[in-house]
C-alpha atoms as a PDB file:
ATOM      1  CA  MET A   1     -16.528  10.092 -36.035  1.00  0.00           C
ATOM      2  CA  THR A   2     -18.702   8.320 -38.882  1.00  0.00           C
ATOM      3  CA  GLU A   3     -18.719   9.342 -42.345  1.00  0.00           C
ATOM      4  CA  ILE A   4     -21.887  10.887 -43.518  1.00  0.00           C
ATOM      5  CA  GLY A   5     -24.966   8.696 -44.061  1.00  0.00           C
ATOM      6  CA  TYR A   6     -23.473   5.835 -41.971  1.00  0.00           C
ATOM      7  CA  ASP A   7     -24.646   7.225 -38.814  1.00  0.00           C
ATOM      8  CA  ILE A   8     -26.945   4.157 -38.391  1.00  0.00           C
ATOM      9  CA  TYR A   9     -23.715   1.806 -37.281  1.00  0.00           C
ATOM     10  CA  GLY A  10     -22.739   4.254 -34.485  1.00  0.00           C
ATOM     11  CA  ASP A  11     -19.376   3.626 -33.094  1.00  0.00           C
ATOM     12  CA  LYS A  12     -19.150   0.267 -34.700  1.00  0.00           C
ATOM     13  CA  PHE A  13     -18.575   1.668 -38.541  1.00  0.00           C
ATOM     14  CA  PRO A  14     -14.744   2.116 -37.982  1.00  0.00           C
ATOM     15  CA  GLU A  15     -14.656  -1.707 -36.866  1.00  0.00           C
ATOM     16  CA  MET A  16     -16.889  -2.463 -39.813  1.00  0.00           C
ATOM     17  CA  LYS A  17     -14.720  -1.118 -42.139  1.00  0.00           C
ATOM     18  CA  LYS A  18     -11.657  -2.767 -41.049  1.00  0.00           C
ATOM     19  CA  VAL A  19     -13.692  -6.193 -41.120  1.00  0.00           C
ATOM     20  CA  LEU A  20     -14.590  -5.390 -44.827  1.00  0.00           C
ATOM     21  CA  GLN A  21     -11.121  -4.178 -45.832  1.00  0.00           C
ATOM     22  CA  ASN A  22      -9.756  -7.617 -44.178  1.00  0.00           C
ATOM     23  CA  LEU A  23     -12.279  -9.875 -45.982  1.00  0.00           C
ATOM     24  CA  GLU A  24     -11.468  -7.888 -49.535  1.00  0.00           C
ATOM     25  CA  THR A  25      -7.586  -8.455 -48.631  1.00  0.00           C
ATOM     26  CA  HIS A  26      -8.101 -12.202 -48.024  1.00  0.00           C
ATOM     27  CA  ILE A  27     -10.424 -12.987 -51.007  1.00  0.00           C
ATOM     28  CA  SER A  28      -7.784 -11.022 -53.083  1.00  0.00           C
ATOM     29  CA  SER A  29      -5.303 -13.369 -51.915  1.00  0.00           C
ATOM     30  CA  ILE A  30      -6.901 -16.663 -52.565  1.00  0.00           C
ATOM     31  CA  ARG A  31      -8.022 -15.038 -55.836  1.00  0.00           C
ATOM     32  CA  ASP A  32      -4.023 -14.671 -56.739  1.00  0.00           C
ATOM     33  CA  THR A  33      -3.150 -18.209 -55.267  1.00  0.00           C
ATOM     34  CA  LEU A  34      -5.779 -19.597 -57.489  1.00  0.00           C
ATOM     35  CA  THR A  35      -4.909 -17.887 -60.425  1.00  0.00           C
ATOM     36  CA  ASP A  36      -1.074 -18.694 -60.349  1.00  0.00           C
ATOM     37  CA  GLU A  37      -2.119 -22.194 -59.583  1.00  0.00           C
ATOM     38  CA  ASN A  38      -4.703 -22.604 -62.340  1.00  0.00           C
ATOM     39  CA  GLY A  39      -3.764 -19.920 -64.865  1.00  0.00           C
ATOM     40  CA  MET A  40      -7.244 -18.618 -64.650  1.00  0.00           C
ATOM     41  CA  ASP A  41      -9.369 -16.083 -62.502  1.00  0.00           C
ATOM     42  CA  PRO A  42     -11.664 -18.150 -60.399  1.00  0.00           C
ATOM     43  CA  ILE A  43     -13.638 -14.794 -59.569  1.00  0.00           C
ATOM     44  CA  GLU A  44     -15.496 -12.750 -62.217  1.00  0.00           C
ATOM     45  CA  HIS A  45     -16.134 -10.133 -59.934  1.00  0.00           C
ATOM     46  CA  PHE A  46     -16.559  -9.201 -56.469  1.00  0.00           C
ATOM     47  CA  LEU A  47     -18.168  -6.314 -54.887  1.00  0.00           C
ATOM     48  CA  ALA A  48     -18.313  -5.589 -51.055  1.00  0.00           C
ATOM     49  CA  ARG A  49     -19.890  -2.166 -49.430  1.00  0.00           C
ATOM     50  CA  ILE A  50     -21.623  -1.267 -46.032  1.00  0.00           C
ATOM     51  CA  LYS A  51     -25.319  -0.079 -46.665  1.00  0.00           C
ATOM     52  CA  SER A  52     -25.647   3.604 -46.037  1.00  0.00           C
ATOM     53  CA  ASP A  53     -27.924   4.844 -43.399  1.00  0.00           C
ATOM     54  CA  GLU A  54     -31.330   5.186 -46.101  1.00  0.00           C
ATOM     55  CA  SER A  55     -30.548   1.823 -47.255  1.00  0.00           C
ATOM     56  CA  MET A  56     -30.251   0.019 -44.170  1.00  0.00           C
ATOM     57  CA  ARG A  57     -33.269   1.748 -42.639  1.00  0.00           C
ATOM     58  CA  GLU A  58     -35.482   0.868 -45.883  1.00  0.00           C
ATOM     59  CA  LYS A  59     -34.237  -2.829 -45.377  1.00  0.00           C
ATOM     60  CA  CYS A  60     -35.112  -3.103 -41.864  1.00  0.00           C
ATOM     61  CA  ARG A  61     -38.459  -1.678 -42.531  1.00  0.00           C
ATOM     62  CA  ARG A  62     -39.003  -4.175 -45.098  1.00  0.00           C
ATOM     63  CA  LEU A  63     -38.191  -7.123 -43.007  1.00  0.00           C
ATOM     64  CA  ILE A  64     -39.907  -6.140 -40.179  1.00  0.00           C
ATOM     65  CA  TYR A  65     -43.030  -5.352 -42.437  1.00  0.00           C
ATOM     66  CA  CYS A  66     -42.460  -8.857 -43.632  1.00  0.00           C
ATOM     67  CA  MET A  67     -42.057 -10.341 -40.356  1.00  0.00           C
ATOM     68  CA  GLU A  68     -45.205  -8.725 -39.235  1.00  0.00           C
ATOM     69  CA  GLU A  69     -46.882 -10.617 -42.202  1.00  0.00           C
ATOM     70  CA  VAL A  70     -46.464 -13.921 -40.884  1.00  0.00           C
END
């Protein structure tokens, strides 16, 4: 079962969410360690997302169009 707007990923969507969550956790841990060691936060901001169906389809169309021009 996928969330609305994420059907393009099929059965891989839950796995993608887990990977993204693991990356966010790992980056947060590194950020905390460096902040403790240096007294300053080395990361100004961090954003992560899985593209929606519409956004991913548009990107694929754009990339395929660009590849056809080459």
